[in-house]
Amino acid sequence: MKLPAYAQGATSAKLIQILCRGKCGDTRWAELNGEYPGRQELKSGAGPTRATCLKCGYIASDYYNWGRGDVDY
């Protein structure tokens, strides 16, 4: 899967998919406040604590529904 235009300028080590509860109301690409630590660490809450939607700017802190997905950087 290719990244959409709104996410192409993001740091690839910080990219994550979130359910945006801001203006988007859909799954969007976001940038973590730290590097992606791996699936297990992220799901346990031991990794970064915030992800900012790259489309509308919504800041998510509910890490349990974040995913990395298969993407071509």
C-alpha atoms as a PDB file:
ATOM      1  CA  MET A   1       0.000   0.000   0.000  1.00  0.00           C
ATOM      2  CA  LYS A   2       1.303   3.456  -0.843  1.00  0.00           C
ATOM      3  CA  LEU A   3       1.071   6.306   1.618  1.00  0.00           C
ATOM      4  CA  PRO A   4      -1.521   8.973   0.796  1.00  0.00           C
ATOM      5  CA  ALA A   5      -0.256  12.439  -0.107  1.00  0.00           C
ATOM      6  CA  TYR A   6      -1.044  13.912   3.331  1.00  0.00           C
ATOM      7  CA  ALA A   7       1.340  11.422   5.016  1.00  0.00           C
ATOM      8  CA  GLN A   8       4.242  11.363   2.578  1.00  0.00           C
ATOM      9  CA  GLY A   9       6.291  14.016   4.393  1.00  0.00           C
ATOM     10  CA  ALA A  10       6.190  12.232   7.764  1.00  0.00           C
ATOM     11  CA  THR A  11       9.112  10.476   9.400  1.00  0.00           C
ATOM     12  CA  SER A  12       8.684   6.798   8.495  1.00  0.00           C
ATOM     13  CA  ALA A  13      10.005   5.594  11.881  1.00  0.00           C
ATOM     14  CA  LYS A  14       7.122   7.439  13.578  1.00  0.00           C
ATOM     15  CA  LEU A  15       4.214   6.513  11.274  1.00  0.00           C
ATOM     16  CA  ILE A  16       1.188   4.708  12.672  1.00  0.00           C
ATOM     17  CA  GLN A  17      -2.461   4.280  11.719  1.00  0.00           C
ATOM     18  CA  ILE A  18      -5.104   5.493  14.158  1.00  0.00           C
ATOM     19  CA  LEU A  19      -8.846   5.823  14.309  1.00  0.00           C
ATOM     20  CA  CYS A  20      -9.062   9.608  14.102  1.00  0.00           C
ATOM     21  CA  ARG A  21     -11.763  10.950  16.382  1.00  0.00           C
ATOM     22  CA  GLY A  22     -11.208  14.494  15.181  1.00  0.00           C
ATOM     23  CA  LYS A  23     -12.604  15.965  11.962  1.00  0.00           C
ATOM     24  CA  CYS A  24     -11.705  12.860   9.949  1.00  0.00           C
ATOM     25  CA  GLY A  25     -13.761  10.267  11.825  1.00  0.00           C
ATOM     26  CA  ASP A  26     -11.943   7.506   9.948  1.00  0.00           C
ATOM     27  CA  THR A  27      -8.680   5.550   9.952  1.00  0.00           C
ATOM     28  CA  ARG A  28      -5.816   7.911   9.134  1.00  0.00           C
ATOM     29  CA  TRP A  29      -2.046   7.996   9.202  1.00  0.00           C
ATOM     30  CA  ALA A  30      -0.548   9.728  12.202  1.00  0.00           C
ATOM     31  CA  GLU A  31       2.898  10.524  13.568  1.00  0.00           C
ATOM     32  CA  LEU A  32       3.954   9.221  16.977  1.00  0.00           C
ATOM     33  CA  ASN A  33       5.735  11.426  19.507  1.00  0.00           C
ATOM     34  CA  GLY A  34       8.592   8.902  19.387  1.00  0.00           C
ATOM     35  CA  GLU A  35       9.829   6.134  17.117  1.00  0.00           C
ATOM     36  CA  TYR A  36       7.644   3.082  16.573  1.00  0.00           C
ATOM     37  CA  PRO A  37       8.771   0.667  19.312  1.00  0.00           C
ATOM     38  CA  GLY A  38       7.294  -2.526  17.867  1.00  0.00           C
ATOM     39  CA  ARG A  39       3.852  -4.075  18.038  1.00  0.00           C
ATOM     40  CA  GLN A  40       4.110  -5.647  21.517  1.00  0.00           C
ATOM     41  CA  GLU A  41       5.513  -2.519  23.174  1.00  0.00           C
ATOM     42  CA  LEU A  42       2.931  -0.321  21.501  1.00  0.00           C
ATOM     43  CA  LYS A  43       0.020  -2.558  22.531  1.00  0.00           C
ATOM     44  CA  SER A  44       1.282  -2.717  26.132  1.00  0.00           C
ATOM     45  CA  GLY A  45       1.458   1.057  26.431  1.00  0.00           C
ATOM     46  CA  ALA A  46       5.222   1.054  26.953  1.00  0.00           C
ATOM     47  CA  GLY A  47       5.927   3.028  23.780  1.00  0.00           C
ATOM     48  CA  PRO A  48       5.059   6.568  22.668  1.00  0.00           C
ATOM     49  CA  THR A  49       2.009   8.113  24.301  1.00  0.00           C
ATOM     50  CA  ARG A  50       0.622  10.393  21.572  1.00  0.00           C
ATOM     51  CA  ALA A  51      -0.087  10.210  17.863  1.00  0.00           C
ATOM     52  CA  THR A  52      -1.052  13.252  15.808  1.00  0.00           C
ATOM     53  CA  CYS A  53      -3.325  12.770  12.800  1.00  0.00           C
ATOM     54  CA  LEU A  54      -1.464  13.987   9.734  1.00  0.00           C
ATOM     55  CA  LYS A  55      -4.700  15.030   8.032  1.00  0.00           C
ATOM     56  CA  CYS A  56      -6.549  17.109  10.672  1.00  0.00           C
ATOM     57  CA  GLY A  57      -4.144  17.414  13.625  1.00  0.00           C
ATOM     58  CA  TYR A  58      -6.208  15.424  16.153  1.00  0.00           C
ATOM     59  CA  ILE A  59      -4.009  14.132  19.000  1.00  0.00           C
ATOM     60  CA  ALA A  60      -4.781  10.567  20.061  1.00  0.00           C
ATOM     61  CA  SER A  61      -3.647   8.975  23.306  1.00  0.00           C
ATOM     62  CA  ASP A  62      -5.689   5.744  23.148  1.00  0.00           C
ATOM     63  CA  TYR A  63      -2.827   3.504  22.003  1.00  0.00           C
ATOM     64  CA  TYR A  64      -4.847   0.265  22.093  1.00  0.00           C
ATOM     65  CA  ASN A  65      -6.314   0.833  18.625  1.00  0.00           C
ATOM     66  CA  TRP A  66      -3.155   1.958  16.832  1.00  0.00           C
ATOM     67  CA  GLY A  67      -1.636  -0.181  14.085  1.00  0.00           C
ATOM     68  CA  ARG A  68       1.274  -0.031  11.720  1.00  0.00           C
ATOM     69  CA  GLY A  69      -0.210  -1.791   8.690  1.00  0.00           C
ATOM     70  CA  ASP A  70       1.672  -2.840   5.576  1.00  0.00           C
ATOM     71  CA  VAL A  71       2.929   0.228   3.803  1.00  0.00           C
ATOM     72  CA  ASP A  72       5.615   1.198   1.312  1.00  0.00           C
ATOM     73  CA  TYR A  73       7.594   4.085   2.742  1.00  0.00           C
END
